[in-house]
Amino acid sequence: MNLLKRVVTAAVLIPIVLLLVLRAPILVLALVTALVALLAVQELLKLAEAYGIRPFRWPTYIFVGLFFLFMALNPPNKPLLDTAIFVNTMGFAAAISAFVFLIIGMRRADLSSSFPAAMLSVFAFAYIALPLAFLVQIREQWSGAFMLLYLLFVVWAGDIAAFFVGRSLGRHLMSPRISPKKTWEGALASLIASVGVGMLLYTYALPISSALLSIQLMERRDGYFALQSPPLRTTLLLSAGINVAAQLGDLVESLIKRGAGVKDSGTLLPGHGGMLDRIDALLFAAPVLWYYAAWQVMQ
């Protein structure tokens, strides 16, 4: 029954996500991403209560929301989420976050709870809001929609392979204290699937982009229309790096949940748990792809 719920939820969400990635205006994508970030932050703050931390709930929500808002405020004649503007906004927000939440902590009667609460809010911002903002900024790059499509398919392929191979063939546990069901066999299958899908996507990037353009699911600037694909080694290493980052992201979230004594971060998505359960892999994988995309821009 849980597997059926998982499949049904995925069948509903995947077309919506793909439509947002491929066709939605960047402002709509930014707003939806901000909502996802706030839902995930809410789940993280709730998990933190099991650690004895009294979170700054509304200040954290407001800080994350304002970050996404100011990130989208750009000067005239500049593309939305221009890389330089994004980096400056991100760096400034990260630099002041600790001071903002510590100042808020001065208002608490129990000052011993202020420092842990401030640390949690800064962590929530760095762990959830910043990586999700990377996703939006990738979308604004040239070939941005194709790169996001590549990221999602590489992560999803790895996740699916790990789930089914781990259940059927997994014998050697990877980290039983943190994630009792994860196995080395599943991890290896995940890596192979991600690399295979990544290689296929870039091998056939031009026909895929052309097909999506022809049915009006993609703008020309968002597709990949280079006559030559990236070098084989680059695609292989990038796909492998994204997979390893995604698997680590999954393990990190499992660590947080096990410490809190819960199986899922929430119940928002039937069969998948909470929003944080669904995006945990992307939180580590998105910065890897963003750095690659930013490096390409600077070449």
C-alpha atoms as a PDB file:
ATOM      1  CA  MET A   1       0.000   0.000   0.000  1.00  0.00           C
ATOM      2  CA  ASN A   2       2.837   2.412   0.852  1.00  0.00           C
ATOM      3  CA  LEU A   3       4.504   1.653  -2.505  1.00  0.00           C
ATOM      4  CA  LEU A   4       1.222   2.337  -4.304  1.00  0.00           C
ATOM      5  CA  LYS A   5       0.876   5.694  -2.518  1.00  0.00           C
ATOM      6  CA  ARG A   6       4.470   6.497  -3.454  1.00  0.00           C
ATOM      7  CA  VAL A   7       3.836   5.754  -7.135  1.00  0.00           C
ATOM      8  CA  VAL A   8       0.540   7.682  -7.260  1.00  0.00           C
ATOM      9  CA  THR A   9       2.058  10.738  -5.553  1.00  0.00           C
ATOM     10  CA  ALA A  10       5.018  10.674  -7.955  1.00  0.00           C
ATOM     11  CA  ALA A  11       2.685  10.307 -10.945  1.00  0.00           C
ATOM     12  CA  VAL A  12       0.842  13.453  -9.871  1.00  0.00           C
ATOM     13  CA  LEU A  13       3.850  15.555  -8.877  1.00  0.00           C
ATOM     14  CA  ILE A  14       6.339  14.752 -11.644  1.00  0.00           C
ATOM     15  CA  PRO A  15       4.313  16.332 -14.520  1.00  0.00           C
ATOM     16  CA  ILE A  16       3.722  19.440 -12.384  1.00  0.00           C
ATOM     17  CA  VAL A  17       7.425  19.736 -11.562  1.00  0.00           C
ATOM     18  CA  LEU A  18       8.441  19.233 -15.192  1.00  0.00           C
ATOM     19  CA  LEU A  19       5.953  21.859 -16.364  1.00  0.00           C
ATOM     20  CA  LEU A  20       7.322  24.333 -13.816  1.00  0.00           C
ATOM     21  CA  VAL A  21      10.903  23.617 -14.861  1.00  0.00           C
ATOM     22  CA  LEU A  22      10.294  23.743 -18.604  1.00  0.00           C
ATOM     23  CA  ARG A  23       7.611  26.351 -19.130  1.00  0.00           C
ATOM     24  CA  ALA A  24       6.750  28.407 -16.063  1.00  0.00           C
ATOM     25  CA  PRO A  25       7.896  32.064 -15.966  1.00  0.00           C
ATOM     26  CA  ILE A  26      10.911  32.461 -13.742  1.00  0.00           C
ATOM     27  CA  LEU A  27       8.945  34.482 -11.189  1.00  0.00           C
ATOM     28  CA  VAL A  28       6.396  31.664 -10.850  1.00  0.00           C
ATOM     29  CA  LEU A  29       9.199  29.141 -10.417  1.00  0.00           C
ATOM     30  CA  ALA A  30      10.799  31.376  -7.777  1.00  0.00           C
ATOM     31  CA  LEU A  31       7.519  31.699  -5.862  1.00  0.00           C
ATOM     32  CA  VAL A  32       6.857  27.959  -5.924  1.00  0.00           C
ATOM     33  CA  THR A  33      10.442  27.276  -4.839  1.00  0.00           C
ATOM     34  CA  ALA A  34      10.060  29.745  -1.972  1.00  0.00           C
ATOM     35  CA  LEU A  35       6.899  27.911  -0.862  1.00  0.00           C
ATOM     36  CA  VAL A  36       8.732  24.570  -0.987  1.00  0.00           C
ATOM     37  CA  ALA A  37      11.572  26.086   1.043  1.00  0.00           C
ATOM     38  CA  LEU A  38       9.186  27.389   3.694  1.00  0.00           C
ATOM     39  CA  LEU A  39       7.421  24.021   3.996  1.00  0.00           C
ATOM     40  CA  ALA A  40      10.750  22.215   4.349  1.00  0.00           C
ATOM     41  CA  VAL A  41      12.003  24.759   6.894  1.00  0.00           C
ATOM     42  CA  GLN A  42       8.807  24.302   8.899  1.00  0.00           C
ATOM     43  CA  GLU A  43       9.429  20.548   9.035  1.00  0.00           C
ATOM     44  CA  LEU A  44      13.065  21.042  10.045  1.00  0.00           C
ATOM     45  CA  LEU A  45      12.135  23.408  12.881  1.00  0.00           C
ATOM     46  CA  LYS A  46       9.614  20.865  14.133  1.00  0.00           C
ATOM     47  CA  LEU A  47      12.252  18.111  14.059  1.00  0.00           C
ATOM     48  CA  ALA A  48      14.570  20.362  16.071  1.00  0.00           C
ATOM     49  CA  GLU A  49      12.113  20.420  18.968  1.00  0.00           C
ATOM     50  CA  ALA A  50      13.032  16.777  19.621  1.00  0.00           C
ATOM     51  CA  TYR A  51      16.592  18.013  20.251  1.00  0.00           C
ATOM     52  CA  GLY A  52      15.320  20.358  22.961  1.00  0.00           C
ATOM     53  CA  ILE A  53      15.575  23.487  20.800  1.00  0.00           C
ATOM     54  CA  ARG A  54      12.866  26.159  20.878  1.00  0.00           C
ATOM     55  CA  PRO A  55      12.992  27.542  17.317  1.00  0.00           C
ATOM     56  CA  PHE A  56      12.506  31.097  16.116  1.00  0.00           C
ATOM     57  CA  ARG A  57       9.635  30.078  13.844  1.00  0.00           C
ATOM     58  CA  TRP A  58       8.245  33.269  12.319  1.00  0.00           C
ATOM     59  CA  PRO A  59      11.577  35.115  12.179  1.00  0.00           C
ATOM     60  CA  THR A  60      13.018  32.169  10.230  1.00  0.00           C
ATOM     61  CA  TYR A  61      10.060  32.052   7.826  1.00  0.00           C
ATOM     62  CA  ILE A  62      10.267  35.810   7.263  1.00  0.00           C
ATOM     63  CA  PHE A  63      14.040  35.747   6.697  1.00  0.00           C
ATOM     64  CA  VAL A  64      13.767  32.929   4.143  1.00  0.00           C
ATOM     65  CA  GLY A  65      10.827  34.615   2.403  1.00  0.00           C
ATOM     66  CA  LEU A  66      12.620  37.960   2.210  1.00  0.00           C
ATOM     67  CA  PHE A  67      15.710  36.263   0.813  1.00  0.00           C
ATOM     68  CA  PHE A  68      13.745  34.904  -2.139  1.00  0.00           C
ATOM     69  CA  LEU A  69      12.021  38.267  -2.583  1.00  0.00           C
ATOM     70  CA  PHE A  70      15.203  40.372  -2.627  1.00  0.00           C
ATOM     71  CA  MET A  71      16.963  37.816  -4.787  1.00  0.00           C
ATOM     72  CA  ALA A  72      14.402  38.548  -7.502  1.00  0.00           C
ATOM     73  CA  LEU A  73      14.733  42.342  -7.263  1.00  0.00           C
ATOM     74  CA  ASN A  74      17.198  43.184  -9.998  1.00  0.00           C
ATOM     75  CA  PRO A  75      18.221  46.413 -11.760  1.00  0.00           C
ATOM     76  CA  PRO A  76      16.692  47.314 -15.137  1.00  0.00           C
ATOM     77  CA  ASN A  77      18.202  45.670 -18.244  1.00  0.00           C
ATOM     78  CA  LYS A  78      19.544  42.807 -16.151  1.00  0.00           C
ATOM     79  CA  PRO A  79      18.173  39.257 -16.444  1.00  0.00           C
ATOM     80  CA  LEU A  80      16.201  38.065 -13.449  1.00  0.00           C
ATOM     81  CA  LEU A  81      18.565  36.384 -10.995  1.00  0.00           C
ATOM     82  CA  ASP A  82      21.684  37.531 -12.790  1.00  0.00           C
ATOM     83  CA  THR A  83      24.596  35.449 -11.472  1.00  0.00           C
ATOM     84  CA  ALA A  84      26.473  38.399  -9.969  1.00  0.00           C
ATOM     85  CA  ILE A  85      23.332  39.725  -8.262  1.00  0.00           C
ATOM     86  CA  PHE A  86      22.509  36.249  -6.985  1.00  0.00           C
ATOM     87  CA  VAL A  87      25.995  35.715  -5.537  1.00  0.00           C
ATOM     88  CA  ASN A  88      25.973  39.143  -3.866  1.00  0.00           C
ATOM     89  CA  THR A  89      22.509  38.609  -2.387  1.00  0.00           C
ATOM     90  CA  MET A  90      23.370  35.114  -1.223  1.00  0.00           C
ATOM     91  CA  GLY A  91      26.651  36.203   0.350  1.00  0.00           C
ATOM     92  CA  PHE A  92      25.090  39.180   2.130  1.00  0.00           C
ATOM     93  CA  ALA A  93      22.184  37.116   3.480  1.00  0.00           C
ATOM     94  CA  ALA A  94      24.526  34.384   4.703  1.00  0.00           C
ATOM     95  CA  ALA A  95      26.831  36.935   6.353  1.00  0.00           C
ATOM     96  CA  ILE A  96      24.087  38.716   8.317  1.00  0.00           C
ATOM     97  CA  SER A  97      21.928  35.675   9.183  1.00  0.00           C
ATOM     98  CA  ALA A  98      23.760  34.811  12.409  1.00  0.00           C
ATOM     99  CA  PHE A  99      23.630  38.419  13.640  1.00  0.00           C
ATOM    100  CA  VAL A 100      19.930  38.782  12.764  1.00  0.00           C
ATOM    101  CA  PHE A 101      18.884  35.714  14.716  1.00  0.00           C
ATOM    102  CA  LEU A 102      21.153  36.431  17.674  1.00  0.00           C
ATOM    103  CA  ILE A 103      19.681  39.928  17.923  1.00  0.00           C
ATOM    104  CA  ILE A 104      16.205  38.362  17.883  1.00  0.00           C
ATOM    105  CA  GLY A 105      17.376  36.038  20.662  1.00  0.00           C
ATOM    106  CA  MET A 106      18.036  39.026  22.918  1.00  0.00           C
ATOM    107  CA  ARG A 107      14.274  39.344  23.407  1.00  0.00           C
ATOM    108  CA  ARG A 108      13.893  35.926  25.027  1.00  0.00           C
ATOM    109  CA  ALA A 109      13.465  35.640  28.769  1.00  0.00           C
ATOM    110  CA  ASP A 110      15.472  32.409  28.775  1.00  0.00           C
ATOM    111  CA  LEU A 111      18.725  33.511  27.185  1.00  0.00           C
ATOM    112  CA  SER A 112      20.139  29.969  27.316  1.00  0.00           C
ATOM    113  CA  SER A 113      17.707  29.017  24.527  1.00  0.00           C
ATOM    114  CA  SER A 114      18.663  31.923  22.252  1.00  0.00           C
ATOM    115  CA  PHE A 115      21.967  30.622  20.918  1.00  0.00           C
ATOM    116  CA  PRO A 116      20.662  27.128  19.937  1.00  0.00           C
ATOM    117  CA  ALA A 117      17.611  28.721  18.292  1.00  0.00           C
ATOM    118  CA  ALA A 118      19.783  31.167  16.336  1.00  0.00           C
ATOM    119  CA  MET A 119      22.086  28.337  15.207  1.00  0.00           C
ATOM    120  CA  LEU A 120      19.070  26.356  14.021  1.00  0.00           C
ATOM    121  CA  SER A 121      17.712  29.281  11.990  1.00  0.00           C
ATOM    122  CA  VAL A 122      21.079  29.896  10.328  1.00  0.00           C
ATOM    123  CA  PHE A 123      21.375  26.179   9.587  1.00  0.00           C
ATOM    124  CA  ALA A 124      17.862  26.069   8.109  1.00  0.00           C
ATOM    125  CA  PHE A 125      18.732  28.961   5.819  1.00  0.00           C
ATOM    126  CA  ALA A 126      22.026  27.426   4.665  1.00  0.00           C
ATOM    127  CA  TYR A 127      20.717  23.853   4.440  1.00  0.00           C
ATOM    128  CA  ILE A 128      17.397  24.493   2.685  1.00  0.00           C
ATOM    129  CA  ALA A 129      16.931  28.029   1.339  1.00  0.00           C
ATOM    130  CA  LEU A 130      20.314  28.494  -0.333  1.00  0.00           C
ATOM    131  CA  PRO A 131      20.367  25.187  -2.272  1.00  0.00           C
ATOM    132  CA  LEU A 132      16.799  25.718  -3.484  1.00  0.00           C
ATOM    133  CA  ALA A 133      17.745  29.220  -4.596  1.00  0.00           C
ATOM    134  CA  PHE A 134      20.530  27.618  -6.647  1.00  0.00           C
ATOM    135  CA  LEU A 135      17.844  25.712  -8.559  1.00  0.00           C
ATOM    136  CA  VAL A 136      16.028  28.907  -9.508  1.00  0.00           C
ATOM    137  CA  GLN A 137      19.256  30.606 -10.559  1.00  0.00           C
ATOM    138  CA  ILE A 138      20.264  27.636 -12.717  1.00  0.00           C
ATOM    139  CA  ARG A 139      16.958  27.997 -14.550  1.00  0.00           C
ATOM    140  CA  GLU A 140      17.880  31.553 -15.496  1.00  0.00           C
ATOM    141  CA  GLN A 141      21.143  30.501 -17.149  1.00  0.00           C
ATOM    142  CA  TRP A 142      21.387  29.709 -20.852  1.00  0.00           C
ATOM    143  CA  SER A 143      20.115  26.140 -21.340  1.00  0.00           C
ATOM    144  CA  GLY A 144      18.770  26.468 -17.801  1.00  0.00           C
ATOM    145  CA  ALA A 145      15.634  24.378 -18.270  1.00  0.00           C
ATOM    146  CA  PHE A 146      17.616  21.572 -19.882  1.00  0.00           C
ATOM    147  CA  MET A 147      20.168  21.636 -17.055  1.00  0.00           C
ATOM    148  CA  LEU A 148      17.402  21.400 -14.457  1.00  0.00           C
ATOM    149  CA  LEU A 149      15.807  18.588 -16.439  1.00  0.00           C
ATOM    150  CA  TYR A 150      19.172  16.843 -16.452  1.00  0.00           C
ATOM    151  CA  LEU A 151      19.569  17.363 -12.687  1.00  0.00           C
ATOM    152  CA  LEU A 152      16.114  16.007 -11.855  1.00  0.00           C
ATOM    153  CA  PHE A 153      16.423  12.961 -14.101  1.00  0.00           C
ATOM    154  CA  VAL A 154      19.893  12.097 -12.784  1.00  0.00           C
ATOM    155  CA  VAL A 155      18.727  12.362  -9.160  1.00  0.00           C
ATOM    156  CA  TRP A 156      15.441  10.537  -9.790  1.00  0.00           C
ATOM    157  CA  ALA A 157      17.148   7.727 -11.712  1.00  0.00           C
ATOM    158  CA  GLY A 158      19.586   7.207  -8.858  1.00  0.00           C
ATOM    159  CA  ASP A 159      16.813   7.283  -6.274  1.00  0.00           C
ATOM    160  CA  ILE A 160      14.668   4.744  -8.155  1.00  0.00           C
ATOM    161  CA  ALA A 161      17.591   2.371  -8.769  1.00  0.00           C
ATOM    162  CA  ALA A 162      18.672   2.517  -5.128  1.00  0.00           C
ATOM    163  CA  PHE A 163      15.122   1.834  -3.949  1.00  0.00           C
ATOM    164  CA  PHE A 164      14.419  -1.218  -6.099  1.00  0.00           C
ATOM    165  CA  VAL A 165      17.912  -2.757  -6.181  1.00  0.00           C
ATOM    166  CA  GLY A 166      18.366  -2.138  -2.479  1.00  0.00           C
ATOM    167  CA  ARG A 167      15.072  -3.877  -1.696  1.00  0.00           C
ATOM    168  CA  SER A 168      15.675  -6.871  -3.943  1.00  0.00           C
ATOM    169  CA  LEU A 169      19.445  -7.413  -3.909  1.00  0.00           C
ATOM    170  CA  GLY A 170      20.787  -5.333  -1.022  1.00  0.00           C
ATOM    171  CA  ARG A 171      22.763  -7.353   1.522  1.00  0.00           C
ATOM    172  CA  HIS A 172      25.501  -5.076   2.851  1.00  0.00           C
ATOM    173  CA  LEU A 173      24.204  -2.204   4.951  1.00  0.00           C
ATOM    174  CA  MET A 174      25.776   1.176   4.259  1.00  0.00           C
ATOM    175  CA  SER A 175      25.015   2.983   7.513  1.00  0.00           C
ATOM    176  CA  PRO A 176      22.654   0.936   9.716  1.00  0.00           C
ATOM    177  CA  ARG A 177      22.598   3.463  12.569  1.00  0.00           C
ATOM    178  CA  ILE A 178      21.522   6.303  10.294  1.00  0.00           C
ATOM    179  CA  SER A 179      19.541   4.621   7.514  1.00  0.00           C
ATOM    180  CA  PRO A 180      18.823   0.944   8.241  1.00  0.00           C
ATOM    181  CA  LYS A 181      17.545   0.124   4.739  1.00  0.00           C
ATOM    182  CA  LYS A 182      20.314   1.669   2.652  1.00  0.00           C
ATOM    183  CA  THR A 183      22.794  -0.813   1.195  1.00  0.00           C
ATOM    184  CA  TRP A 184      26.037  -0.624  -0.760  1.00  0.00           C
ATOM    185  CA  GLU A 185      24.388  -2.573  -3.563  1.00  0.00           C
ATOM    186  CA  GLY A 186      21.663   0.061  -3.796  1.00  0.00           C
ATOM    187  CA  ALA A 187      24.238   2.849  -3.695  1.00  0.00           C
ATOM    188  CA  LEU A 188      26.219   1.307  -6.543  1.00  0.00           C
ATOM    189  CA  ALA A 189      23.051   0.784  -8.610  1.00  0.00           C
ATOM    190  CA  SER A 190      22.138   4.411  -7.927  1.00  0.00           C
ATOM    191  CA  LEU A 191      25.516   5.631  -9.192  1.00  0.00           C
ATOM    192  CA  ILE A 192      25.346   3.499 -12.345  1.00  0.00           C
ATOM    193  CA  ALA A 193      21.769   4.613 -13.117  1.00  0.00           C
ATOM    194  CA  SER A 194      22.570   8.303 -12.604  1.00  0.00           C
ATOM    195  CA  VAL A 195      25.673   8.184 -14.784  1.00  0.00           C
ATOM    196  CA  GLY A 196      23.808   6.219 -17.482  1.00  0.00           C
ATOM    197  CA  VAL A 197      20.873   8.625 -17.579  1.00  0.00           C
ATOM    198  CA  GLY A 198      23.180  11.656 -17.490  1.00  0.00           C
ATOM    199  CA  MET A 199      25.207  10.334 -20.409  1.00  0.00           C
ATOM    200  CA  LEU A 200      22.051   9.608 -22.435  1.00  0.00           C
ATOM    201  CA  LEU A 201      20.591  13.047 -21.784  1.00  0.00           C
ATOM    202  CA  TYR A 202      23.687  14.883 -22.974  1.00  0.00           C
ATOM    203  CA  THR A 203      24.247  12.494 -25.876  1.00  0.00           C
ATOM    204  CA  TYR A 204      20.750  13.264 -27.152  1.00  0.00           C
ATOM    205  CA  ALA A 205      20.518  16.810 -25.764  1.00  0.00           C
ATOM    206  CA  LEU A 206      19.956  18.412 -29.177  1.00  0.00           C
ATOM    207  CA  PRO A 207      17.035  16.186 -30.315  1.00  0.00           C
ATOM    208  CA  ILE A 208      15.471  16.309 -26.839  1.00  0.00           C
ATOM    209  CA  SER A 209      15.632  20.108 -26.769  1.00  0.00           C
ATOM    210  CA  SER A 210      14.346  20.324 -30.350  1.00  0.00           C
ATOM    211  CA  ALA A 211      11.400  18.063 -29.546  1.00  0.00           C
ATOM    212  CA  LEU A 212      10.470  20.074 -26.449  1.00  0.00           C
ATOM    213  CA  LEU A 213      10.803  23.301 -28.453  1.00  0.00           C
ATOM    214  CA  SER A 214       8.565  21.966 -31.239  1.00  0.00           C
ATOM    215  CA  ILE A 215       5.719  21.176 -28.815  1.00  0.00           C
ATOM    216  CA  GLN A 216       6.220  24.546 -27.096  1.00  0.00           C
ATOM    217  CA  LEU A 217       7.313  23.109 -23.764  1.00  0.00           C
ATOM    218  CA  MET A 218      10.610  24.991 -23.894  1.00  0.00           C
ATOM    219  CA  GLU A 219      11.942  28.362 -25.012  1.00  0.00           C
ATOM    220  CA  ARG A 220      14.977  28.296 -27.289  1.00  0.00           C
ATOM    221  CA  ARG A 221      17.251  29.943 -24.699  1.00  0.00           C
ATOM    222  CA  ASP A 222      16.325  27.230 -22.188  1.00  0.00           C
ATOM    223  CA  GLY A 223      17.265  24.283 -24.388  1.00  0.00           C
ATOM    224  CA  TYR A 224      20.591  22.777 -25.364  1.00  0.00           C
ATOM    225  CA  PHE A 225      21.277  23.411 -29.047  1.00  0.00           C
ATOM    226  CA  ALA A 226      25.056  23.054 -29.222  1.00  0.00           C
ATOM    227  CA  LEU A 227      26.145  20.929 -32.160  1.00  0.00           C
ATOM    228  CA  GLN A 228      28.552  19.018 -29.924  1.00  0.00           C
ATOM    229  CA  SER A 229      27.817  17.528 -26.506  1.00  0.00           C
ATOM    230  CA  PRO A 230      30.162  18.214 -23.583  1.00  0.00           C
ATOM    231  CA  PRO A 231      33.218  15.933 -23.450  1.00  0.00           C
ATOM    232  CA  LEU A 232      32.449  12.400 -22.282  1.00  0.00           C
ATOM    233  CA  ARG A 233      34.658  12.740 -19.232  1.00  0.00           C
ATOM    234  CA  THR A 234      32.977  15.966 -18.123  1.00  0.00           C
ATOM    235  CA  THR A 235      29.466  14.497 -18.371  1.00  0.00           C
ATOM    236  CA  LEU A 236      30.526  11.317 -16.582  1.00  0.00           C
ATOM    237  CA  LEU A 237      32.197  13.173 -13.713  1.00  0.00           C
ATOM    238  CA  LEU A 238      29.345  15.671 -13.368  1.00  0.00           C
ATOM    239  CA  SER A 239      26.687  12.940 -13.296  1.00  0.00           C
ATOM    240  CA  ALA A 240      28.710  10.916 -10.771  1.00  0.00           C
ATOM    241  CA  GLY A 241      29.299  13.990  -8.618  1.00  0.00           C
ATOM    242  CA  ILE A 242      25.597  14.842  -8.596  1.00  0.00           C
ATOM    243  CA  ASN A 243      24.706  11.272  -7.634  1.00  0.00           C
ATOM    244  CA  VAL A 244      27.206  11.134  -4.767  1.00  0.00           C
ATOM    245  CA  ALA A 245      25.991  14.507  -3.512  1.00  0.00           C
ATOM    246  CA  ALA A 246      22.363  13.346  -3.742  1.00  0.00           C
ATOM    247  CA  GLN A 247      23.066  10.168  -1.788  1.00  0.00           C
ATOM    248  CA  LEU A 248      24.897  12.160   0.889  1.00  0.00           C
ATOM    249  CA  GLY A 249      21.971  14.570   1.046  1.00  0.00           C
ATOM    250  CA  ASP A 250      19.630  11.673   1.698  1.00  0.00           C
ATOM    251  CA  LEU A 251      21.889  10.332   4.454  1.00  0.00           C
ATOM    252  CA  VAL A 252      22.243  13.739   6.113  1.00  0.00           C
ATOM    253  CA  GLU A 253      18.475  14.133   6.346  1.00  0.00           C
ATOM    254  CA  SER A 254      18.222  10.581   7.719  1.00  0.00           C
ATOM    255  CA  LEU A 255      20.736  11.558  10.409  1.00  0.00           C
ATOM    256  CA  ILE A 256      18.561  14.500  11.451  1.00  0.00           C
ATOM    257  CA  LYS A 257      15.437  12.318  11.562  1.00  0.00           C
ATOM    258  CA  ARG A 258      17.074   9.459  13.484  1.00  0.00           C
ATOM    259  CA  GLY A 259      18.378  11.905  16.064  1.00  0.00           C
ATOM    260  CA  ALA A 260      14.823  13.227  16.420  1.00  0.00           C
ATOM    261  CA  GLY A 261      13.435   9.686  16.656  1.00  0.00           C
ATOM    262  CA  VAL A 262      11.109   9.904  13.643  1.00  0.00           C
ATOM    263  CA  LYS A 263      10.863   8.042  10.337  1.00  0.00           C
ATOM    264  CA  ASP A 264       9.655  10.924   8.147  1.00  0.00           C
ATOM    265  CA  SER A 265      10.009  14.685   8.348  1.00  0.00           C
ATOM    266  CA  GLY A 266       6.250  15.089   7.849  1.00  0.00           C
ATOM    267  CA  THR A 267       3.119  13.660   6.265  1.00  0.00           C
ATOM    268  CA  LEU A 268       2.493  16.155   3.475  1.00  0.00           C
ATOM    269  CA  LEU A 269       3.221  13.764   0.579  1.00  0.00           C
ATOM    270  CA  PRO A 270       1.565  10.320   0.833  1.00  0.00           C
ATOM    271  CA  GLY A 271       4.117   7.536   0.458  1.00  0.00           C
ATOM    272  CA  HIS A 272       7.026   9.990   0.529  1.00  0.00           C
ATOM    273  CA  GLY A 273       6.716  11.611   3.945  1.00  0.00           C
ATOM    274  CA  GLY A 274       7.291  15.329   4.200  1.00  0.00           C
ATOM    275  CA  MET A 275       8.578  17.968   1.812  1.00  0.00           C
ATOM    276  CA  LEU A 276      12.068  17.694   3.293  1.00  0.00           C
ATOM    277  CA  ASP A 277      12.037  13.940   2.609  1.00  0.00           C
ATOM    278  CA  ARG A 278      11.306  14.653  -1.049  1.00  0.00           C
ATOM    279  CA  ILE A 279      13.951  17.322  -1.648  1.00  0.00           C
ATOM    280  CA  ASP A 280      16.772  16.102   0.620  1.00  0.00           C
ATOM    281  CA  ALA A 281      18.857  14.749  -2.276  1.00  0.00           C
ATOM    282  CA  LEU A 282      18.462  17.951  -4.306  1.00  0.00           C
ATOM    283  CA  LEU A 283      19.745  20.070  -1.420  1.00  0.00           C
ATOM    284  CA  PHE A 284      23.248  18.672  -1.901  1.00  0.00           C
ATOM    285  CA  ALA A 285      23.044  17.992  -5.645  1.00  0.00           C
ATOM    286  CA  ALA A 286      21.858  21.474  -6.714  1.00  0.00           C
ATOM    287  CA  PRO A 287      25.038  23.316  -5.588  1.00  0.00           C
ATOM    288  CA  VAL A 288      27.170  20.849  -7.583  1.00  0.00           C
ATOM    289  CA  LEU A 289      25.308  21.599 -10.823  1.00  0.00           C
ATOM    290  CA  TRP A 290      25.138  25.329 -10.048  1.00  0.00           C
ATOM    291  CA  TYR A 291      28.908  25.520  -9.640  1.00  0.00           C
ATOM    292  CA  TYR A 292      29.387  23.704 -12.943  1.00  0.00           C
ATOM    293  CA  ALA A 293      26.937  26.075 -14.681  1.00  0.00           C
ATOM    294  CA  ALA A 294      28.582  29.166 -13.138  1.00  0.00           C
ATOM    295  CA  TRP A 295      32.017  27.874 -14.155  1.00  0.00           C
ATOM    296  CA  GLN A 296      30.785  27.452 -17.719  1.00  0.00           C
ATOM    297  CA  VAL A 297      29.523  31.052 -17.767  1.00  0.00           C
ATOM    298  CA  MET A 298      32.959  32.308 -16.718  1.00  0.00           C
ATOM    299  CA  GLN A 299      34.760  30.391 -19.493  1.00  0.00           C
END
